[in-house]
Amino acid sequence: MSLDDPNEVRINLQFLEWVLRIRGVDDAITGTAQPQITRQSLKAVTIPVPHIDRQQAFADRVEAIEEAKRYHERALTAVEALFTSLQARAFRGEL
């Protein structure tokens, strides 16, 4: 299933992504031998749709958190490289 033409004046796509991640759609899965999601089963899926300003504030916070995660991942990579370098120098007796 896909969103044909989402109204971005009414729903922020990043907000929608996270609402669906958190909510999940397990209750829309039908069948046991071969599970599937149908349009009919998706009609029962409801999500909260706060005012677009609140959705945008949520999306802004998510982006800030993602940027912080990227920063810390880069810092961790640098620390690991430094540790590896120091460890190699220590084993060679250069410290």
N, C-alpha and C. Protein backbone atom coordinates (compact mmCIF):
# COMPACT_ATOMS: atom_id res chain seq x y z
N MET A 1 0.85 -1.18 0.00
CA MET A 1 0.00 0.00 0.00
C MET A 1 0.89 1.24 0.00
N SER A 2 0.39 2.29 -0.52
CA SER A 2 1.17 3.51 -0.54
C SER A 2 0.23 4.71 -0.38
N LEU A 3 0.85 5.84 -0.08
CA LEU A 3 0.09 7.08 -0.02
C LEU A 3 0.11 7.68 -1.42
N ASP A 4 -1.03 7.79 -2.03
CA ASP A 4 -1.07 8.29 -3.39
C ASP A 4 -0.69 9.76 -3.48
N ASP A 5 -1.31 10.58 -2.68
CA ASP A 5 -1.05 12.01 -2.73
C ASP A 5 -1.34 12.62 -1.36
N PRO A 6 -0.41 12.44 -0.40
CA PRO A 6 -0.69 12.93 0.95
C PRO A 6 -0.80 14.46 0.97
N ASN A 7 -1.75 14.95 1.75
CA ASN A 7 -1.96 16.38 1.90
C ASN A 7 -1.00 16.89 2.97
N GLU A 8 0.13 17.45 2.54
CA GLU A 8 1.17 17.87 3.48
C GLU A 8 0.77 19.13 4.25
N VAL A 9 -0.35 19.71 3.93
CA VAL A 9 -0.88 20.82 4.74
C VAL A 9 -1.55 20.24 5.98
N ARG A 10 -2.04 19.00 5.87
CA ARG A 10 -2.74 18.36 6.98
C ARG A 10 -1.86 17.37 7.75
N ILE A 11 -0.89 16.74 7.07
CA ILE A 11 -0.06 15.73 7.74
C ILE A 11 1.39 15.86 7.32
N ASN A 12 2.27 15.90 8.31
CA ASN A 12 3.71 15.93 8.09
C ASN A 12 4.17 14.49 7.88
N LEU A 13 4.86 14.22 6.78
CA LEU A 13 5.23 12.85 6.45
C LEU A 13 6.18 12.23 7.46
N GLN A 14 7.07 13.02 8.04
CA GLN A 14 7.97 12.47 9.06
C GLN A 14 7.16 12.10 10.32
N PHE A 15 6.19 12.93 10.67
CA PHE A 15 5.31 12.61 11.79
C PHE A 15 4.55 11.31 11.50
N LEU A 16 4.00 11.20 10.29
CA LEU A 16 3.25 10.01 9.91
C LEU A 16 4.13 8.76 9.98
N GLU A 17 5.36 8.87 9.50
CA GLU A 17 6.28 7.73 9.55
C GLU A 17 6.46 7.23 10.99
N TRP A 18 6.70 8.17 11.92
CA TRP A 18 6.96 7.77 13.30
C TRP A 18 5.70 7.28 14.01
N VAL A 19 4.56 7.87 13.70
CA VAL A 19 3.31 7.38 14.29
C VAL A 19 3.09 5.93 13.87
N LEU A 20 3.31 5.65 12.59
CA LEU A 20 3.11 4.28 12.11
C LEU A 20 4.16 3.33 12.68
N ARG A 21 5.40 3.80 12.85
CA ARG A 21 6.43 2.97 13.48
C ARG A 21 6.03 2.60 14.91
N ILE A 22 5.56 3.59 15.64
CA ILE A 22 5.22 3.38 17.05
C ILE A 22 3.94 2.56 17.17
N ARG A 23 2.94 2.94 16.40
CA ARG A 23 1.65 2.26 16.48
C ARG A 23 1.71 0.86 15.91
N GLY A 24 2.40 0.71 14.79
CA GLY A 24 2.44 -0.57 14.10
C GLY A 24 1.12 -0.82 13.38
N VAL A 25 1.09 -1.85 12.56
CA VAL A 25 -0.13 -2.19 11.85
C VAL A 25 -0.43 -3.68 11.98
N ASP A 26 0.05 -4.27 13.07
CA ASP A 26 -0.19 -5.69 13.28
C ASP A 26 -1.67 -6.05 13.27
N ASP A 27 -2.51 -5.13 13.76
CA ASP A 27 -3.94 -5.41 13.80
C ASP A 27 -4.58 -5.37 12.41
N ALA A 28 -3.84 -4.90 11.40
CA ALA A 28 -4.36 -4.86 10.03
C ALA A 28 -3.92 -6.08 9.22
N ILE A 29 -3.09 -6.93 9.80
CA ILE A 29 -2.60 -8.12 9.09
C ILE A 29 -3.66 -9.21 9.19
N THR A 30 -4.03 -9.75 8.03
CA THR A 30 -5.01 -10.83 7.99
C THR A 30 -4.38 -12.08 7.42
N GLY A 31 -5.00 -13.20 7.68
CA GLY A 31 -4.51 -14.48 7.16
C GLY A 31 -3.46 -15.07 8.08
N THR A 32 -3.33 -16.38 8.02
CA THR A 32 -2.33 -17.05 8.86
C THR A 32 -1.28 -17.75 8.01
N ALA A 33 -1.71 -18.48 6.98
CA ALA A 33 -0.75 -19.20 6.14
C ALA A 33 0.12 -18.21 5.36
N GLN A 34 -0.53 -17.15 4.86
CA GLN A 34 0.20 -16.12 4.13
C GLN A 34 -0.35 -14.76 4.57
N PRO A 35 0.25 -14.20 5.64
CA PRO A 35 -0.25 -12.92 6.16
C PRO A 35 -0.22 -11.82 5.09
N GLN A 36 -1.22 -10.96 5.15
CA GLN A 36 -1.30 -9.87 4.19
C GLN A 36 -2.00 -8.67 4.81
N ILE A 37 -1.79 -7.53 4.18
CA ILE A 37 -2.49 -6.31 4.58
C ILE A 37 -3.33 -5.89 3.38
N THR A 38 -4.60 -5.73 3.60
CA THR A 38 -5.50 -5.33 2.52
C THR A 38 -6.00 -3.91 2.77
N ARG A 39 -6.53 -3.32 1.73
CA ARG A 39 -7.12 -1.99 1.88
C ARG A 39 -8.23 -2.03 2.93
N GLN A 40 -9.03 -3.08 2.90
CA GLN A 40 -10.14 -3.21 3.85
C GLN A 40 -9.63 -3.24 5.28
N SER A 41 -8.56 -4.01 5.53
CA SER A 41 -8.05 -4.10 6.90
C SER A 41 -7.39 -2.79 7.33
N LEU A 42 -6.85 -2.04 6.38
CA LEU A 42 -6.23 -0.75 6.72
C LEU A 42 -7.25 0.31 7.10
N LYS A 43 -8.49 0.14 6.67
CA LYS A 43 -9.53 1.13 7.00
C LYS A 43 -9.75 1.22 8.50
N ALA A 44 -9.46 0.13 9.22
CA ALA A 44 -9.64 0.13 10.68
C ALA A 44 -8.48 0.79 11.42
N VAL A 45 -7.38 1.05 10.72
CA VAL A 45 -6.22 1.66 11.35
C VAL A 45 -6.46 3.16 11.51
N THR A 46 -6.42 3.61 12.74
CA THR A 46 -6.58 5.05 13.00
C THR A 46 -5.32 5.57 13.67
N ILE A 47 -5.01 6.80 13.38
CA ILE A 47 -3.86 7.44 14.00
C ILE A 47 -4.27 8.84 14.46
N PRO A 48 -3.62 9.33 15.49
CA PRO A 48 -3.93 10.70 15.92
C PRO A 48 -3.36 11.69 14.91
N VAL A 49 -4.07 12.75 14.64
CA VAL A 49 -3.59 13.78 13.71
C VAL A 49 -3.72 15.13 14.41
N PRO A 50 -2.69 15.48 15.20
CA PRO A 50 -2.72 16.79 15.85
C PRO A 50 -2.54 17.91 14.81
N HIS A 51 -2.69 19.12 15.26
CA HIS A 51 -2.51 20.28 14.37
C HIS A 51 -1.14 20.21 13.71
N ILE A 52 -1.05 20.68 12.50
CA ILE A 52 0.18 20.58 11.71
C ILE A 52 1.37 21.24 12.41
N ASP A 53 1.13 22.27 13.21
CA ASP A 53 2.22 22.91 13.94
C ASP A 53 2.85 21.95 14.95
N ARG A 54 2.02 21.17 15.63
CA ARG A 54 2.53 20.19 16.59
C ARG A 54 3.25 19.05 15.88
N GLN A 55 2.73 18.65 14.73
CA GLN A 55 3.40 17.63 13.94
C GLN A 55 4.78 18.12 13.50
N GLN A 56 4.85 19.38 13.07
CA GLN A 56 6.13 19.94 12.63
C GLN A 56 7.11 20.03 13.80
N ALA A 57 6.61 20.41 14.97
CA ALA A 57 7.47 20.47 16.16
C ALA A 57 8.02 19.08 16.47
N PHE A 58 7.18 18.06 16.36
CA PHE A 58 7.63 16.68 16.57
C PHE A 58 8.70 16.32 15.54
N ALA A 59 8.45 16.62 14.28
CA ALA A 59 9.40 16.30 13.22
C ALA A 59 10.72 17.04 13.44
N ASP A 60 10.66 18.29 13.89
CA ASP A 60 11.89 19.05 14.17
C ASP A 60 12.69 18.39 15.30
N ARG A 61 12.00 17.92 16.32
CA ARG A 61 12.70 17.25 17.43
C ARG A 61 13.32 15.94 16.98
N VAL A 62 12.59 15.20 16.16
CA VAL A 62 13.14 13.95 15.63
C VAL A 62 14.40 14.25 14.82
N GLU A 63 14.36 15.28 13.99
CA GLU A 63 15.54 15.62 13.19
C GLU A 63 16.71 16.03 14.07
N ALA A 64 16.44 16.78 15.14
CA ALA A 64 17.51 17.17 16.06
C ALA A 64 18.12 15.94 16.73
N ILE A 65 17.28 15.00 17.11
CA ILE A 65 17.77 13.76 17.74
C ILE A 65 18.60 12.96 16.74
N GLU A 66 18.12 12.86 15.51
CA GLU A 66 18.86 12.12 14.47
C GLU A 66 20.21 12.78 14.20
N GLU A 67 20.25 14.10 14.19
CA GLU A 67 21.52 14.81 13.98
C GLU A 67 22.47 14.54 15.15
N ALA A 68 21.94 14.56 16.37
CA ALA A 68 22.77 14.26 17.55
C ALA A 68 23.31 12.83 17.47
N LYS A 69 22.46 11.89 17.03
CA LYS A 69 22.92 10.51 16.87
C LYS A 69 24.05 10.43 15.84
N ARG A 70 23.91 11.13 14.72
CA ARG A 70 24.97 11.12 13.69
C ARG A 70 26.26 11.71 14.25
N TYR A 71 26.16 12.79 15.00
CA TYR A 71 27.32 13.43 15.60
C TYR A 71 28.03 12.45 16.54
N HIS A 72 27.27 11.79 17.40
CA HIS A 72 27.86 10.86 18.37
C HIS A 72 28.44 9.62 17.69
N GLU A 73 27.82 9.18 16.61
CA GLU A 73 28.37 8.05 15.87
C GLU A 73 29.73 8.43 15.25
N ARG A 74 29.82 9.66 14.71
CA ARG A 74 31.11 10.12 14.16
C ARG A 74 32.15 10.24 15.26
N ALA A 75 31.74 10.77 16.42
CA ALA A 75 32.66 10.91 17.54
C ALA A 75 33.12 9.54 18.04
N LEU A 76 32.23 8.59 18.11
CA LEU A 76 32.59 7.24 18.54
C LEU A 76 33.58 6.62 17.56
N THR A 77 33.36 6.81 16.28
CA THR A 77 34.29 6.29 15.27
C THR A 77 35.68 6.90 15.47
N ALA A 78 35.73 8.20 15.74
CA ALA A 78 37.02 8.87 15.95
C ALA A 78 37.70 8.35 17.22
N VAL A 79 36.94 8.15 18.28
CA VAL A 79 37.50 7.64 19.54
C VAL A 79 38.02 6.22 19.34
N GLU A 80 37.28 5.40 18.62
CA GLU A 80 37.72 4.03 18.37
C GLU A 80 39.02 4.02 17.55
N ALA A 81 39.12 4.92 16.56
CA ALA A 81 40.34 5.00 15.75
C ALA A 81 41.52 5.45 16.62
N LEU A 82 41.27 6.41 17.50
CA LEU A 82 42.33 6.87 18.40
C LEU A 82 42.76 5.75 19.35
N PHE A 83 41.81 5.02 19.89
CA PHE A 83 42.14 3.92 20.79
C PHE A 83 42.96 2.86 20.06
N THR A 84 42.56 2.53 18.85
CA THR A 84 43.30 1.53 18.07
C THR A 84 44.73 2.00 17.82
N SER A 85 44.88 3.27 17.50
CA SER A 85 46.21 3.83 17.25
C SER A 85 47.06 3.79 18.51
N LEU A 86 46.49 4.21 19.64
CA LEU A 86 47.23 4.19 20.90
C LEU A 86 47.59 2.77 21.32
N GLN A 87 46.68 1.86 21.11
CA GLN A 87 46.93 0.47 21.45
C GLN A 87 48.09 -0.09 20.60
N ALA A 88 48.10 0.22 19.33
CA ALA A 88 49.18 -0.25 18.45
C ALA A 88 50.51 0.35 18.90
N ARG A 89 50.49 1.64 19.22
CA ARG A 89 51.73 2.28 19.68
C ARG A 89 52.21 1.68 21.00
N ALA A 90 51.27 1.36 21.88
CA ALA A 90 51.64 0.78 23.17
C ALA A 90 52.28 -0.58 22.98
N PHE A 91 51.73 -1.40 22.11
CA PHE A 91 52.28 -2.74 21.88
C PHE A 91 53.64 -2.68 21.18
N ARG A 92 53.88 -1.61 20.43
CA ARG A 92 55.19 -1.45 19.78
C ARG A 92 56.20 -0.81 20.74
N GLY A 93 55.75 -0.43 21.91
CA GLY A 93 56.64 0.19 22.90
C GLY A 93 56.95 1.64 22.60
N GLU A 94 56.09 2.31 21.88
CA GLU A 94 56.32 3.71 21.51
C GLU A 94 55.74 4.71 22.50
N LEU A 95 55.11 4.24 23.54
CA LEU A 95 54.51 5.19 24.52
C LEU A 95 55.39 5.34 25.73
